[in-house]
């Protein structure tokens, strides 16, 4: 009887140790994968270097989605992972991508690609604003001349 109890205890302890080791190994594996994924987001690598760089013409349509752009650029060989590139777009300081046709190359890092397709266009000044500014300056000049001539009299 006692040998059965000892065997049962040994088996129980062995199973618990096995479960603990499997959980620990799973956690280590997941931590490594998470680290590698995070590193791929922030440590950028171009797809090609040197003589292997190829130019690619791409279009960002008017009704784009960031996921669609990431998938298209992945399919054209500009980025190595569409999910990573999508997250890089989301984490970039650029709010919007600018629709248009762009010539990019496989030697560009993802941040360079994002900067190229999200060109910030400065707002043009209207004709009313440009004519209003000189008029205000002329009014100020006329007022100072009137004050000078009044002080001299």
N, C-alpha and C. Protein backbone atom coordinates (compact mmCIF):
# COMPACT_ATOMS: atom_id res chain seq x y z
N UNK A 1 0.80 -1.19 0.00
CA UNK A 1 0.00 0.00 0.00
C UNK A 1 0.85 1.26 0.00
N UNK A 2 1.86 1.20 0.85
CA UNK A 2 2.70 2.37 0.99
C UNK A 2 3.49 2.64 -0.29
N UNK A 3 3.88 1.62 -1.02
CA UNK A 3 4.61 1.81 -2.28
C UNK A 3 3.73 2.49 -3.33
N UNK A 4 2.44 2.20 -3.32
CA UNK A 4 1.51 2.87 -4.24
C UNK A 4 1.42 4.36 -3.90
N UNK A 5 1.40 4.69 -2.62
CA UNK A 5 1.30 6.08 -2.18
C UNK A 5 2.56 6.86 -2.58
N UNK A 6 3.72 6.20 -2.42
CA UNK A 6 4.99 6.84 -2.80
C UNK A 6 5.04 7.03 -4.31
N UNK A 7 4.64 6.04 -5.06
CA UNK A 7 4.64 6.13 -6.53
C UNK A 7 3.68 7.23 -6.98
N UNK A 8 2.53 7.32 -6.35
CA UNK A 8 1.54 8.36 -6.69
C UNK A 8 2.09 9.75 -6.40
N UNK A 9 2.77 9.91 -5.30
CA UNK A 9 3.36 11.21 -4.93
C UNK A 9 4.46 11.58 -5.91
N UNK A 10 5.31 10.63 -6.26
CA UNK A 10 6.38 10.90 -7.22
C UNK A 10 5.80 11.29 -8.58
N UNK A 11 4.77 10.58 -9.02
CA UNK A 11 4.12 10.89 -10.30
C UNK A 11 3.49 12.28 -10.26
N UNK A 12 2.85 12.63 -9.17
CA UNK A 12 2.20 13.93 -9.01
C UNK A 12 3.23 15.07 -9.06
N UNK A 13 4.32 14.89 -8.32
CA UNK A 13 5.38 15.91 -8.29
C UNK A 13 6.03 16.02 -9.67
N UNK A 14 6.25 14.91 -10.33
CA UNK A 14 6.85 14.93 -11.68
C UNK A 14 5.96 15.67 -12.67
N UNK A 15 4.65 15.43 -12.60
CA UNK A 15 3.71 16.13 -13.50
C UNK A 15 3.71 17.63 -13.25
N UNK A 16 3.76 18.01 -11.98
CA UNK A 16 3.79 19.44 -11.65
C UNK A 16 5.06 20.10 -12.17
N UNK A 17 6.19 19.41 -12.00
CA UNK A 17 7.46 19.95 -12.51
C UNK A 17 7.41 20.06 -14.03
N UNK A 18 6.88 19.04 -14.69
CA UNK A 18 6.76 19.06 -16.15
C UNK A 18 5.89 20.24 -16.62
N UNK A 19 4.76 20.46 -15.96
CA UNK A 19 3.89 21.58 -16.31
C UNK A 19 4.62 22.90 -16.09
N UNK A 20 5.33 23.03 -14.97
CA UNK A 20 6.08 24.25 -14.68
C UNK A 20 7.14 24.51 -15.75
N UNK A 21 7.88 23.48 -16.15
CA UNK A 21 8.91 23.62 -17.18
C UNK A 21 8.28 24.02 -18.52
N UNK A 22 7.16 23.41 -18.88
CA UNK A 22 6.48 23.76 -20.14
C UNK A 22 5.98 25.20 -20.12
N UNK A 23 5.42 25.64 -19.01
CA UNK A 23 4.97 27.03 -18.90
C UNK A 23 6.15 27.98 -18.99
N UNK A 24 7.25 27.67 -18.33
CA UNK A 24 8.44 28.52 -18.37
C UNK A 24 9.00 28.59 -19.78
N UNK A 25 9.07 27.45 -20.47
CA UNK A 25 9.58 27.44 -21.84
C UNK A 25 8.67 28.24 -22.78
N UNK A 26 7.37 28.12 -22.58
CA UNK A 26 6.42 28.89 -23.40
C UNK A 26 6.59 30.38 -23.17
N UNK A 27 6.75 30.79 -21.92
CA UNK A 27 6.96 32.21 -21.61
C UNK A 27 8.25 32.74 -22.23
N UNK A 28 9.31 31.96 -22.17
CA UNK A 28 10.58 32.37 -22.78
C UNK A 28 10.42 32.49 -24.29
N UNK A 29 9.76 31.52 -24.91
CA UNK A 29 9.54 31.57 -26.35
C UNK A 29 8.72 32.81 -26.74
N UNK A 30 7.62 33.06 -26.02
CA UNK A 30 6.79 34.23 -26.31
C UNK A 30 7.55 35.54 -26.09
N UNK A 31 8.36 35.60 -25.06
CA UNK A 31 9.15 36.81 -24.80
C UNK A 31 10.15 37.06 -25.93
N UNK A 32 10.78 36.01 -26.43
CA UNK A 32 11.72 36.16 -27.54
C UNK A 32 11.00 36.64 -28.80
N UNK A 33 9.85 36.06 -29.08
CA UNK A 33 9.09 36.47 -30.27
C UNK A 33 8.62 37.92 -30.15
N UNK A 34 8.15 38.30 -28.98
CA UNK A 34 7.70 39.68 -28.76
C UNK A 34 8.86 40.65 -28.92
N UNK A 35 10.02 40.29 -28.40
CA UNK A 35 11.20 41.14 -28.53
C UNK A 35 11.60 41.28 -30.00
N UNK A 36 11.62 40.18 -30.72
CA UNK A 36 11.99 40.22 -32.14
C UNK A 36 10.99 41.06 -32.94
N UNK A 37 9.71 40.93 -32.62
CA UNK A 37 8.70 41.72 -33.32
C UNK A 37 8.86 43.20 -33.02
N UNK A 38 9.05 43.55 -31.77
CA UNK A 38 9.26 44.95 -31.40
C UNK A 38 10.52 45.51 -32.02
N UNK A 39 11.56 44.72 -32.04
CA UNK A 39 12.81 45.16 -32.65
C UNK A 39 12.64 45.42 -34.14
N UNK A 40 11.86 44.58 -34.81
CA UNK A 40 11.65 44.77 -36.25
C UNK A 40 10.87 46.04 -36.55
N UNK A 41 10.08 46.50 -35.59
CA UNK A 41 9.34 47.75 -35.78
C UNK A 41 10.27 48.95 -35.68
N UNK A 42 11.17 48.93 -34.71
CA UNK A 42 11.98 50.12 -34.43
C UNK A 42 13.38 50.09 -35.03
N UNK A 43 13.91 48.93 -35.37
CA UNK A 43 15.22 48.84 -36.02
C UNK A 43 14.96 48.54 -37.48
N UNK A 44 15.03 49.58 -38.28
CA UNK A 44 14.62 49.46 -39.68
C UNK A 44 15.76 48.97 -40.56
N UNK A 45 15.39 48.14 -41.51
CA UNK A 45 16.34 47.64 -42.49
C UNK A 45 15.73 47.80 -43.88
N UNK A 46 16.50 48.28 -44.85
CA UNK A 46 15.99 48.32 -46.22
C UNK A 46 15.92 46.90 -46.79
N UNK A 47 15.13 46.74 -47.82
CA UNK A 47 15.00 45.42 -48.45
C UNK A 47 16.25 45.03 -49.24
N UNK A 48 16.95 46.01 -49.80
CA UNK A 48 18.14 45.72 -50.61
C UNK A 48 19.17 46.82 -50.41
N UNK A 49 20.40 46.51 -50.73
CA UNK A 49 21.47 47.49 -50.66
C UNK A 49 22.35 47.36 -51.89
N UNK A 50 23.11 48.40 -52.14
CA UNK A 50 24.08 48.38 -53.24
C UNK A 50 23.46 48.24 -54.61
N UNK A 51 23.99 47.31 -55.39
CA UNK A 51 23.53 47.15 -56.77
C UNK A 51 22.21 46.40 -56.87
N UNK A 52 21.71 45.89 -55.78
CA UNK A 52 20.45 45.14 -55.79
C UNK A 52 19.23 46.03 -55.61
N UNK A 53 19.44 47.34 -55.44
CA UNK A 53 18.34 48.28 -55.24
C UNK A 53 17.58 48.44 -56.56
N UNK A 54 16.24 48.34 -56.45
CA UNK A 54 15.38 48.44 -57.62
C UNK A 54 14.35 49.55 -57.38
N UNK A 55 14.10 50.36 -58.40
CA UNK A 55 13.07 51.38 -58.28
C UNK A 55 11.70 50.77 -58.54
N UNK A 56 10.72 51.22 -57.75
CA UNK A 56 9.36 50.70 -57.86
C UNK A 56 8.41 51.90 -57.89
N UNK A 57 7.51 51.91 -58.87
CA UNK A 57 6.50 52.96 -58.95
C UNK A 57 5.24 52.44 -58.27
N UNK A 58 4.76 53.21 -57.29
CA UNK A 58 3.58 52.81 -56.53
C UNK A 58 2.57 53.96 -56.52
N UNK A 59 1.33 53.59 -56.28
CA UNK A 59 0.27 54.60 -56.21
C UNK A 59 -0.43 54.48 -54.86
N UNK A 60 -0.60 55.63 -54.22
CA UNK A 60 -1.43 55.71 -53.01
C UNK A 60 -2.74 56.31 -53.48
N UNK A 61 -3.80 55.50 -53.53
CA UNK A 61 -5.07 56.00 -54.06
C UNK A 61 -5.75 56.99 -53.11
N UNK A 62 -6.72 57.73 -53.65
CA UNK A 62 -7.46 58.71 -52.85
C UNK A 62 -8.18 58.04 -51.67
N UNK A 63 -8.72 56.86 -51.90
CA UNK A 63 -9.50 56.17 -50.86
C UNK A 63 -8.66 55.08 -50.18
N UNK A 64 -7.40 55.39 -49.88
CA UNK A 64 -6.48 54.42 -49.32
C UNK A 64 -6.85 54.04 -47.88
N UNK A 65 -6.40 52.88 -47.49
CA UNK A 65 -6.39 52.49 -46.09
C UNK A 65 -4.93 52.19 -45.76
N UNK A 66 -4.54 52.42 -44.54
CA UNK A 66 -3.15 52.19 -44.17
C UNK A 66 -2.79 50.72 -44.29
N UNK A 67 -3.74 49.83 -43.97
CA UNK A 67 -3.50 48.39 -44.13
C UNK A 67 -3.32 48.04 -45.60
N UNK A 68 -4.13 48.65 -46.47
CA UNK A 68 -4.04 48.40 -47.90
C UNK A 68 -2.71 48.86 -48.47
N UNK A 69 -2.25 50.02 -48.03
CA UNK A 69 -0.96 50.54 -48.48
C UNK A 69 0.16 49.61 -48.01
N UNK A 70 0.10 49.17 -46.76
CA UNK A 70 1.12 48.27 -46.22
C UNK A 70 1.15 46.96 -47.01
N UNK A 71 -0.02 46.42 -47.33
CA UNK A 71 -0.07 45.17 -48.09
C UNK A 71 0.46 45.36 -49.51
N UNK A 72 0.09 46.48 -50.14
CA UNK A 72 0.56 46.76 -51.51
C UNK A 72 2.08 46.91 -51.53
N UNK A 73 2.64 47.63 -50.58
CA UNK A 73 4.09 47.84 -50.55
C UNK A 73 4.82 46.53 -50.25
N UNK A 74 4.21 45.67 -49.44
CA UNK A 74 4.79 44.34 -49.17
C UNK A 74 4.78 43.51 -50.45
N UNK A 75 3.67 43.52 -51.17
CA UNK A 75 3.56 42.75 -52.41
C UNK A 75 4.53 43.23 -53.48
N UNK A 76 4.88 44.51 -53.46
CA UNK A 76 5.81 45.07 -54.44
C UNK A 76 7.28 44.95 -54.00
N UNK A 77 7.51 44.40 -52.81
CA UNK A 77 8.88 44.16 -52.36
C UNK A 77 9.56 45.34 -51.72
N UNK A 78 8.80 46.34 -51.30
CA UNK A 78 9.41 47.51 -50.66
C UNK A 78 9.63 47.31 -49.16
N UNK A 79 8.83 46.46 -48.54
CA UNK A 79 8.96 46.18 -47.10
C UNK A 79 8.94 44.67 -46.88
N UNK A 80 9.53 44.24 -45.77
CA UNK A 80 9.66 42.80 -45.53
C UNK A 80 8.46 42.20 -44.80
N UNK A 81 7.66 43.02 -44.12
CA UNK A 81 6.53 42.49 -43.37
C UNK A 81 5.41 43.53 -43.38
N UNK A 82 4.24 43.14 -43.88
CA UNK A 82 3.15 44.10 -44.00
C UNK A 82 2.60 44.53 -42.64
N UNK A 83 2.57 43.62 -41.67
CA UNK A 83 2.06 43.97 -40.34
C UNK A 83 3.00 44.95 -39.64
N UNK A 84 4.30 44.71 -39.75
CA UNK A 84 5.28 45.61 -39.15
C UNK A 84 5.20 46.98 -39.82
N UNK A 85 5.09 47.02 -41.15
CA UNK A 85 5.01 48.30 -41.85
C UNK A 85 3.73 49.04 -41.48
N UNK A 86 2.63 48.33 -41.34
CA UNK A 86 1.37 48.95 -40.92
C UNK A 86 1.54 49.60 -39.54
N UNK A 87 2.17 48.90 -38.63
CA UNK A 87 2.40 49.47 -37.29
C UNK A 87 3.37 50.65 -37.35
N UNK A 88 4.35 50.59 -38.25
CA UNK A 88 5.27 51.72 -38.40
C UNK A 88 4.53 52.95 -38.92
N UNK A 89 3.58 52.75 -39.81
CA UNK A 89 2.76 53.87 -40.30
C UNK A 89 1.96 54.46 -39.14
N UNK A 90 1.34 53.57 -38.34
CA UNK A 90 0.54 54.04 -37.21
C UNK A 90 1.38 54.77 -36.17
N UNK A 91 2.61 54.31 -35.95
CA UNK A 91 3.48 54.90 -34.93
C UNK A 91 4.26 56.11 -35.43
N UNK A 92 4.21 56.37 -36.73
CA UNK A 92 4.97 57.51 -37.26
C UNK A 92 4.30 58.81 -36.84
N UNK A 93 5.05 59.88 -36.94
CA UNK A 93 4.51 61.19 -36.58
C UNK A 93 3.73 61.83 -37.73
N UNK A 94 3.54 61.10 -38.79
CA UNK A 94 2.77 61.59 -39.94
C UNK A 94 1.31 61.22 -39.75
N UNK A 95 0.43 62.20 -39.87
CA UNK A 95 -1.00 61.95 -39.68
C UNK A 95 -1.64 61.28 -40.88
N UNK A 96 -1.29 61.75 -42.06
CA UNK A 96 -1.94 61.25 -43.28
C UNK A 96 -0.92 60.96 -44.36
N UNK A 97 -1.27 59.98 -45.17
CA UNK A 97 -0.49 59.71 -46.37
C UNK A 97 -1.07 60.56 -47.48
N UNK A 98 -0.23 61.03 -48.37
CA UNK A 98 -0.69 61.87 -49.46
C UNK A 98 -0.94 61.02 -50.70
N UNK A 99 -2.17 60.98 -51.18
CA UNK A 99 -2.45 60.20 -52.40
C UNK A 99 -1.62 60.70 -53.58
N UNK A 100 -1.19 59.79 -54.42
CA UNK A 100 -0.41 60.15 -55.59
C UNK A 100 0.41 58.98 -56.08
N UNK A 101 1.21 59.23 -57.10
CA UNK A 101 2.08 58.20 -57.67
C UNK A 101 3.51 58.55 -57.26
N UNK A 102 4.21 57.57 -56.71
CA UNK A 102 5.55 57.79 -56.18
C UNK A 102 6.53 56.78 -56.77
N UNK A 103 7.77 57.22 -56.96
CA UNK A 103 8.85 56.33 -57.37
C UNK A 103 9.72 56.12 -56.14
N UNK A 104 9.66 54.92 -55.61
CA UNK A 104 10.42 54.55 -54.42
C UNK A 104 11.42 53.49 -54.82
N UNK A 105 12.32 53.13 -53.90
CA UNK A 105 13.23 52.04 -54.22
C UNK A 105 13.40 51.11 -53.04
N UNK A 106 13.90 49.92 -53.31
CA UNK A 106 14.02 48.90 -52.29
C UNK A 106 15.17 49.18 -51.32
N UNK A 107 15.94 50.22 -51.56
CA UNK A 107 17.01 50.61 -50.65
C UNK A 107 16.55 51.58 -49.58
N UNK A 108 15.28 51.95 -49.61
CA UNK A 108 14.75 52.90 -48.63
C UNK A 108 14.31 52.17 -47.37
N UNK A 109 14.57 52.79 -46.21
CA UNK A 109 14.07 52.26 -44.95
C UNK A 109 12.58 52.60 -44.86
N UNK A 110 11.82 51.85 -44.07
CA UNK A 110 10.39 52.13 -43.93
C UNK A 110 10.08 53.57 -43.52
N UNK A 111 10.87 54.16 -42.64
CA UNK A 111 10.61 55.55 -42.25
C UNK A 111 10.82 56.51 -43.42
N UNK A 112 11.77 56.21 -44.29
CA UNK A 112 11.99 57.03 -45.49
C UNK A 112 10.83 56.89 -46.46
N UNK A 113 10.30 55.67 -46.57
CA UNK A 113 9.15 55.44 -47.44
C UNK A 113 7.94 56.21 -46.92
N UNK A 114 7.71 56.13 -45.61
CA UNK A 114 6.58 56.84 -45.01
C UNK A 114 6.72 58.33 -45.20
N UNK A 115 7.94 58.87 -45.03
CA UNK A 115 8.17 60.29 -45.23
C UNK A 115 7.93 60.69 -46.69
N UNK A 116 8.29 59.81 -47.61
CA UNK A 116 8.12 60.12 -49.04
C UNK A 116 6.66 60.13 -49.46
N UNK A 117 5.84 59.26 -48.86
CA UNK A 117 4.44 59.19 -49.29
C UNK A 117 3.51 60.03 -48.42
N UNK A 118 4.06 60.73 -47.46
CA UNK A 118 3.22 61.60 -46.64
C UNK A 118 3.78 63.01 -46.67
N UNK A 119 3.96 63.51 -47.87
CA UNK A 119 4.52 64.83 -48.07
C UNK A 119 3.57 65.86 -47.47
N UNK A 120 4.13 66.74 -46.66
CA UNK A 120 3.34 67.79 -46.04
C UNK A 120 3.31 68.98 -46.99
N UNK A 121 2.13 69.33 -47.44
CA UNK A 121 1.95 70.45 -48.35
C UNK A 121 1.57 71.66 -47.53
N UNK A 122 2.36 72.73 -47.64
CA UNK A 122 2.04 73.94 -46.91
C UNK A 122 0.83 74.61 -47.56
N UNK A 123 0.00 75.20 -46.70
CA UNK A 123 -1.18 75.87 -47.22
C UNK A 123 -0.77 77.12 -47.98
N UNK A 124 -1.39 77.31 -49.14
CA UNK A 124 -1.09 78.49 -49.94
C UNK A 124 -1.82 79.68 -49.36
N UNK A 125 -1.18 80.83 -49.41
CA UNK A 125 -1.86 82.02 -48.93
C UNK A 125 -2.81 82.50 -50.01
N UNK A 126 -3.94 82.99 -49.59
CA UNK A 126 -4.93 83.46 -50.56
C UNK A 126 -4.55 84.84 -51.05
N UNK A 127 -5.12 85.23 -52.16
CA UNK A 127 -4.83 86.54 -52.74
C UNK A 127 -5.26 87.65 -51.78
N UNK A 128 -6.32 87.41 -51.03
CA UNK A 128 -6.80 88.41 -50.09
C UNK A 128 -5.79 88.64 -48.97
N UNK A 129 -5.16 87.57 -48.49
CA UNK A 129 -4.17 87.70 -47.42
C UNK A 129 -2.94 88.43 -47.90
N UNK A 130 -2.49 88.19 -49.14
CA UNK A 130 -1.28 88.84 -49.64
C UNK A 130 -1.52 90.31 -49.92
N UNK A 131 -2.71 90.69 -50.34
CA UNK A 131 -2.98 92.11 -50.58
C UNK A 131 -3.29 92.83 -49.29
N UNK A 132 -3.79 92.13 -48.28
CA UNK A 132 -4.13 92.77 -47.01
C UNK A 132 -2.87 93.14 -46.24
N UNK A 133 -1.84 92.33 -46.32
CA UNK A 133 -0.62 92.59 -45.56
C UNK A 133 0.07 93.89 -46.00
N UNK A 134 0.30 94.14 -47.29
CA UNK A 134 0.94 95.40 -47.68
C UNK A 134 0.07 96.62 -47.35
N UNK A 135 -1.22 96.48 -47.46
CA UNK A 135 -2.11 97.60 -47.15
C UNK A 135 -1.98 97.99 -45.69
N UNK A 136 -1.87 97.02 -44.81
CA UNK A 136 -1.73 97.32 -43.40
C UNK A 136 -0.41 98.03 -43.14
N UNK A 137 0.65 97.64 -43.85
CA UNK A 137 1.95 98.27 -43.70
C UNK A 137 1.90 99.71 -44.18
N UNK A 138 1.22 99.95 -45.31
CA UNK A 138 1.10 101.31 -45.84
C UNK A 138 0.32 102.18 -44.87
N UNK A 139 -0.75 101.65 -44.26
CA UNK A 139 -1.54 102.42 -43.31
C UNK A 139 -0.69 102.81 -42.11
N UNK A 140 0.15 101.88 -41.64
CA UNK A 140 1.00 102.17 -40.50
C UNK A 140 2.03 103.23 -40.85
N UNK A 141 2.57 103.18 -42.10
CA UNK A 141 3.55 104.17 -42.54
C UNK A 141 2.90 105.54 -42.64
N UNK A 142 1.69 105.63 -43.21
CA UNK A 142 0.97 106.90 -43.33
C UNK A 142 0.68 107.48 -41.95
N UNK A 143 0.31 106.63 -41.01
CA UNK A 143 -0.02 107.11 -39.66
C UNK A 143 1.22 107.66 -38.98
N UNK A 144 2.38 107.00 -39.15
CA UNK A 144 3.60 107.50 -38.51
C UNK A 144 4.06 108.80 -39.17
N UNK A 145 3.85 108.93 -40.49
CA UNK A 145 4.21 110.19 -41.16
C UNK A 145 3.32 111.33 -40.67
N UNK A 146 2.04 111.05 -40.50
CA UNK A 146 1.12 112.08 -39.98
C UNK A 146 1.51 112.50 -38.58
N UNK A 147 1.93 111.55 -37.73
CA UNK A 147 2.34 111.89 -36.38
C UNK A 147 3.62 112.71 -36.39
N UNK A 148 4.55 112.40 -37.29
CA UNK A 148 5.82 113.13 -37.37
C UNK A 148 5.57 114.56 -37.83
N UNK A 149 4.72 114.73 -38.84
CA UNK A 149 4.46 116.07 -39.34
C UNK A 149 3.68 116.90 -38.34
N UNK A 150 2.81 116.24 -37.55
CA UNK A 150 2.05 116.96 -36.53
C UNK A 150 2.98 117.38 -35.40
N UNK A 151 3.98 116.55 -35.06
CA UNK A 151 4.90 116.88 -33.99
C UNK A 151 5.83 117.99 -34.41
N UNK A 152 6.17 118.07 -35.69
CA UNK A 152 7.08 119.08 -36.21
C UNK A 152 6.42 120.43 -36.34
N UNK A 153 5.09 120.55 -36.36
CA UNK A 153 4.40 121.82 -36.55
C UNK A 153 4.31 122.60 -35.34
